[in-house]
Amino acid sequence: MLPDTRSCLLAGWFLLAPGAIILWQLRDPALAGPGIPQCATWWHACLAPRQAVWATERVDSDRAMTMATENISGTEWPLFGTVFYL
């Protein structure tokens, strides 16, 4: 049984799109010299509002105050993620 056209197009998209995106991003002159790559600016613009909402909700929830000190992943990883993001 042969796959239908839509399945082939969808599979082709997921096969070719990542390579095309990478090739497009490699054309950015900031990758080889001074400056901030366009993809970093785009990622920051997309993630910053969500990170701000998450951080505000996390602090307001006081969830970390009720966790045991043995719960490293519940207390330290959110902080590490935020610091690495910034």
N, C-alpha and C. Protein backbone atom coordinates (compact mmCIF):
# COMPACT_ATOMS: atom_id res chain seq x y z
N MET A 1 0.85 -1.18 0.00
CA MET A 1 0.00 0.00 0.00
C MET A 1 0.89 1.24 0.00
N LEU A 2 0.68 2.13 -0.92
CA LEU A 2 1.46 3.35 -1.04
C LEU A 2 0.90 4.43 -0.12
N PRO A 3 1.78 5.23 0.48
CA PRO A 3 1.29 6.32 1.32
C PRO A 3 0.62 7.40 0.47
N ASP A 4 -0.34 8.08 1.05
CA ASP A 4 -1.03 9.12 0.30
C ASP A 4 -0.15 10.38 0.21
N THR A 5 -0.56 11.29 -0.62
CA THR A 5 0.22 12.49 -0.91
C THR A 5 0.41 13.36 0.33
N ARG A 6 -0.65 13.51 1.13
CA ARG A 6 -0.55 14.36 2.31
C ARG A 6 0.48 13.82 3.29
N SER A 7 0.51 12.52 3.48
CA SER A 7 1.50 11.92 4.39
C SER A 7 2.91 12.16 3.88
N CYS A 8 3.10 12.03 2.59
CA CYS A 8 4.43 12.26 2.01
C CYS A 8 4.85 13.72 2.17
N LEU A 9 3.94 14.64 1.94
CA LEU A 9 4.25 16.06 2.10
C LEU A 9 4.56 16.39 3.55
N LEU A 10 3.79 15.84 4.47
CA LEU A 10 4.03 16.08 5.88
C LEU A 10 5.38 15.51 6.32
N ALA A 11 5.68 14.31 5.88
CA ALA A 11 6.97 13.70 6.21
C ALA A 11 8.12 14.51 5.59
N GLY A 12 7.94 14.95 4.36
CA GLY A 12 8.96 15.77 3.71
C GLY A 12 9.19 17.08 4.43
N TRP A 13 8.11 17.68 4.92
CA TRP A 13 8.24 18.93 5.66
C TRP A 13 9.10 18.72 6.91
N PHE A 14 8.81 17.68 7.69
CA PHE A 14 9.57 17.43 8.92
C PHE A 14 10.98 16.95 8.63
N LEU A 15 11.23 16.47 7.46
CA LEU A 15 12.57 16.06 7.08
C LEU A 15 13.40 17.25 6.59
N LEU A 16 12.80 18.10 5.79
CA LEU A 16 13.53 19.19 5.15
C LEU A 16 13.53 20.51 5.93
N ALA A 17 12.48 20.79 6.66
CA ALA A 17 12.37 22.07 7.35
C ALA A 17 13.51 22.31 8.36
N PRO A 18 13.87 21.36 9.22
CA PRO A 18 14.96 21.64 10.16
C PRO A 18 16.27 21.99 9.45
N GLY A 19 16.59 21.28 8.39
CA GLY A 19 17.81 21.59 7.64
C GLY A 19 17.76 22.96 7.00
N ALA A 20 16.60 23.31 6.46
CA ALA A 20 16.45 24.63 5.84
C ALA A 20 16.57 25.74 6.88
N ILE A 21 16.01 25.52 8.05
CA ILE A 21 16.11 26.53 9.12
C ILE A 21 17.56 26.70 9.55
N ILE A 22 18.27 25.60 9.70
CA ILE A 22 19.68 25.67 10.11
C ILE A 22 20.50 26.39 9.05
N LEU A 23 20.29 26.05 7.79
CA LEU A 23 21.03 26.73 6.72
C LEU A 23 20.72 28.22 6.68
N TRP A 24 19.47 28.58 6.91
CA TRP A 24 19.07 29.98 6.93
C TRP A 24 19.76 30.71 8.09
N GLN A 25 19.80 30.08 9.26
CA GLN A 25 20.42 30.70 10.43
C GLN A 25 21.94 30.82 10.28
N LEU A 26 22.55 29.90 9.57
CA LEU A 26 24.00 29.95 9.37
C LEU A 26 24.43 31.12 8.50
N ARG A 27 23.50 31.73 7.79
CA ARG A 27 23.81 32.89 6.97
C ARG A 27 23.95 34.17 7.79
N ASP A 28 23.61 34.12 9.07
CA ASP A 28 23.65 35.30 9.93
C ASP A 28 25.10 35.73 10.15
N PRO A 29 25.48 36.95 9.77
CA PRO A 29 26.86 37.40 9.93
C PRO A 29 27.29 37.51 11.40
N ALA A 30 26.36 37.64 12.32
CA ALA A 30 26.71 37.76 13.73
C ALA A 30 27.27 36.46 14.30
N LEU A 31 27.05 35.35 13.62
CA LEU A 31 27.61 34.08 14.09
C LEU A 31 29.12 34.03 13.91
N ALA A 32 29.64 34.74 12.93
CA ALA A 32 31.07 34.71 12.64
C ALA A 32 31.80 35.95 13.16
N GLY A 33 31.09 36.89 13.67
CA GLY A 33 31.74 38.12 14.11
C GLY A 33 30.99 38.72 15.28
N PRO A 34 31.23 40.00 15.51
CA PRO A 34 30.57 40.65 16.64
C PRO A 34 29.08 40.83 16.38
N GLY A 35 28.34 40.90 17.44
CA GLY A 35 26.91 41.12 17.32
C GLY A 35 26.11 39.97 17.92
N ILE A 36 24.84 40.18 18.02
CA ILE A 36 23.93 39.18 18.57
C ILE A 36 23.20 38.53 17.39
N PRO A 37 23.23 37.21 17.31
CA PRO A 37 22.53 36.53 16.21
C PRO A 37 21.03 36.83 16.26
N GLN A 38 20.43 36.89 15.10
CA GLN A 38 19.00 37.19 15.02
C GLN A 38 18.17 36.13 15.72
N CYS A 39 18.60 34.88 15.67
CA CYS A 39 17.82 33.83 16.32
C CYS A 39 17.81 34.02 17.84
N ALA A 40 18.90 34.52 18.43
CA ALA A 40 18.93 34.76 19.87
C ALA A 40 17.96 35.88 20.25
N THR A 41 17.90 36.91 19.43
CA THR A 41 16.96 38.00 19.68
C THR A 41 15.53 37.50 19.59
N TRP A 42 15.25 36.67 18.61
CA TRP A 42 13.91 36.12 18.43
C TRP A 42 13.54 35.21 19.59
N TRP A 43 14.46 34.32 20.00
CA TRP A 43 14.18 33.43 21.13
C TRP A 43 13.92 34.24 22.39
N HIS A 44 14.72 35.27 22.62
CA HIS A 44 14.53 36.09 23.81
C HIS A 44 13.17 36.77 23.80
N ALA A 45 12.79 37.32 22.65
CA ALA A 45 11.50 38.00 22.55
C ALA A 45 10.34 37.03 22.76
N CYS A 46 10.50 35.79 22.34
CA CYS A 46 9.44 34.80 22.52
C CYS A 46 9.39 34.25 23.94
N LEU A 47 10.53 34.07 24.55
CA LEU A 47 10.57 33.43 25.87
C LEU A 47 10.43 34.39 27.04
N ALA A 48 10.87 35.62 26.90
CA ALA A 48 10.87 36.55 28.03
C ALA A 48 9.49 36.75 28.66
N PRO A 49 8.43 36.97 27.89
CA PRO A 49 7.12 37.15 28.53
C PRO A 49 6.67 35.90 29.29
N ARG A 50 6.90 34.73 28.72
CA ARG A 50 6.51 33.49 29.40
C ARG A 50 7.34 33.26 30.65
N GLN A 51 8.62 33.59 30.59
CA GLN A 51 9.49 33.43 31.75
C GLN A 51 9.06 34.37 32.87
N ALA A 52 8.69 35.59 32.53
CA ALA A 52 8.25 36.56 33.53
C ALA A 52 6.96 36.10 34.22
N VAL A 53 6.02 35.59 33.45
CA VAL A 53 4.77 35.08 34.02
C VAL A 53 5.06 33.90 34.94
N TRP A 54 5.89 32.97 34.46
CA TRP A 54 6.22 31.79 35.28
C TRP A 54 6.90 32.21 36.58
N ALA A 55 7.88 33.10 36.51
CA ALA A 55 8.62 33.51 37.70
C ALA A 55 7.71 34.21 38.71
N THR A 56 6.83 35.06 38.22
CA THR A 56 5.90 35.75 39.11
C THR A 56 4.98 34.76 39.80
N GLU A 57 4.43 33.82 39.04
CA GLU A 57 3.55 32.81 39.63
C GLU A 57 4.30 31.92 40.61
N ARG A 58 5.53 31.60 40.31
CA ARG A 58 6.34 30.75 41.20
C ARG A 58 6.58 31.45 42.53
N VAL A 59 6.94 32.72 42.49
CA VAL A 59 7.19 33.47 43.73
C VAL A 59 5.89 33.66 44.51
N ASP A 60 4.82 34.01 43.83
CA ASP A 60 3.54 34.25 44.50
C ASP A 60 2.95 32.99 45.12
N SER A 61 3.28 31.82 44.59
CA SER A 61 2.70 30.58 45.09
C SER A 61 3.29 30.14 46.42
N ASP A 62 4.46 30.63 46.78
CA ASP A 62 5.17 30.21 48.00
C ASP A 62 5.36 28.69 48.05
N ARG A 63 5.35 28.06 46.91
CA ARG A 63 5.50 26.62 46.83
C ARG A 63 6.84 26.14 47.38
N ALA A 64 7.89 26.88 47.13
CA ALA A 64 9.21 26.48 47.58
C ALA A 64 9.32 26.47 49.10
N MET A 65 8.51 27.26 49.78
CA MET A 65 8.58 27.31 51.24
C MET A 65 8.03 26.05 51.88
N THR A 66 7.19 25.31 51.18
CA THR A 66 6.58 24.10 51.74
C THR A 66 7.33 22.84 51.35
N MET A 67 8.36 22.95 50.55
CA MET A 67 9.10 21.77 50.10
C MET A 67 10.17 21.38 51.10
N ALA A 68 10.45 20.09 51.13
CA ALA A 68 11.51 19.59 51.99
C ALA A 68 12.86 19.99 51.41
N THR A 69 13.85 20.12 52.27
CA THR A 69 15.18 20.51 51.79
C THR A 69 15.82 19.41 50.95
N GLU A 70 15.31 18.18 51.05
CA GLU A 70 15.83 17.09 50.23
C GLU A 70 15.32 17.14 48.79
N ASN A 71 14.33 17.96 48.53
CA ASN A 71 13.72 18.06 47.20
C ASN A 71 14.52 19.06 46.36
N ILE A 72 15.68 18.62 45.92
CA ILE A 72 16.56 19.50 45.16
C ILE A 72 15.91 19.95 43.85
N SER A 73 15.29 19.03 43.14
CA SER A 73 14.74 19.41 41.85
C SER A 73 13.60 20.41 41.99
N GLY A 74 12.87 20.38 43.08
CA GLY A 74 11.77 21.31 43.26
C GLY A 74 12.19 22.68 43.73
N THR A 75 13.39 22.78 44.31
CA THR A 75 13.82 24.06 44.86
C THR A 75 14.94 24.73 44.06
N GLU A 76 15.88 23.95 43.55
CA GLU A 76 17.04 24.56 42.89
C GLU A 76 16.93 24.63 41.38
N TRP A 77 16.33 23.64 40.74
CA TRP A 77 16.30 23.64 39.27
C TRP A 77 15.54 24.81 38.68
N PRO A 78 14.42 25.24 39.28
CA PRO A 78 13.79 26.44 38.72
C PRO A 78 14.71 27.66 38.76
N LEU A 79 15.47 27.80 39.83
CA LEU A 79 16.41 28.91 39.92
C LEU A 79 17.51 28.78 38.88
N PHE A 80 18.08 27.57 38.74
CA PHE A 80 19.13 27.37 37.75
C PHE A 80 18.62 27.68 36.34
N GLY A 81 17.43 27.21 36.01
CA GLY A 81 16.87 27.47 34.70
C GLY A 81 16.71 28.96 34.43
N THR A 82 16.26 29.69 35.44
CA THR A 82 16.08 31.13 35.28
C THR A 82 17.42 31.84 35.10
N VAL A 83 18.41 31.45 35.90
CA VAL A 83 19.72 32.09 35.80
C VAL A 83 20.36 31.80 34.44
N PHE A 84 20.28 30.55 33.98
CA PHE A 84 20.85 30.23 32.68
C PHE A 84 20.12 30.94 31.56
N TYR A 85 18.80 31.13 31.71
CA TYR A 85 18.05 31.86 30.69
C TYR A 85 18.53 33.30 30.60
N LEU A 86 18.72 33.93 31.75
CA LEU A 86 19.14 35.33 31.76
C LEU A 86 20.56 35.46 31.28
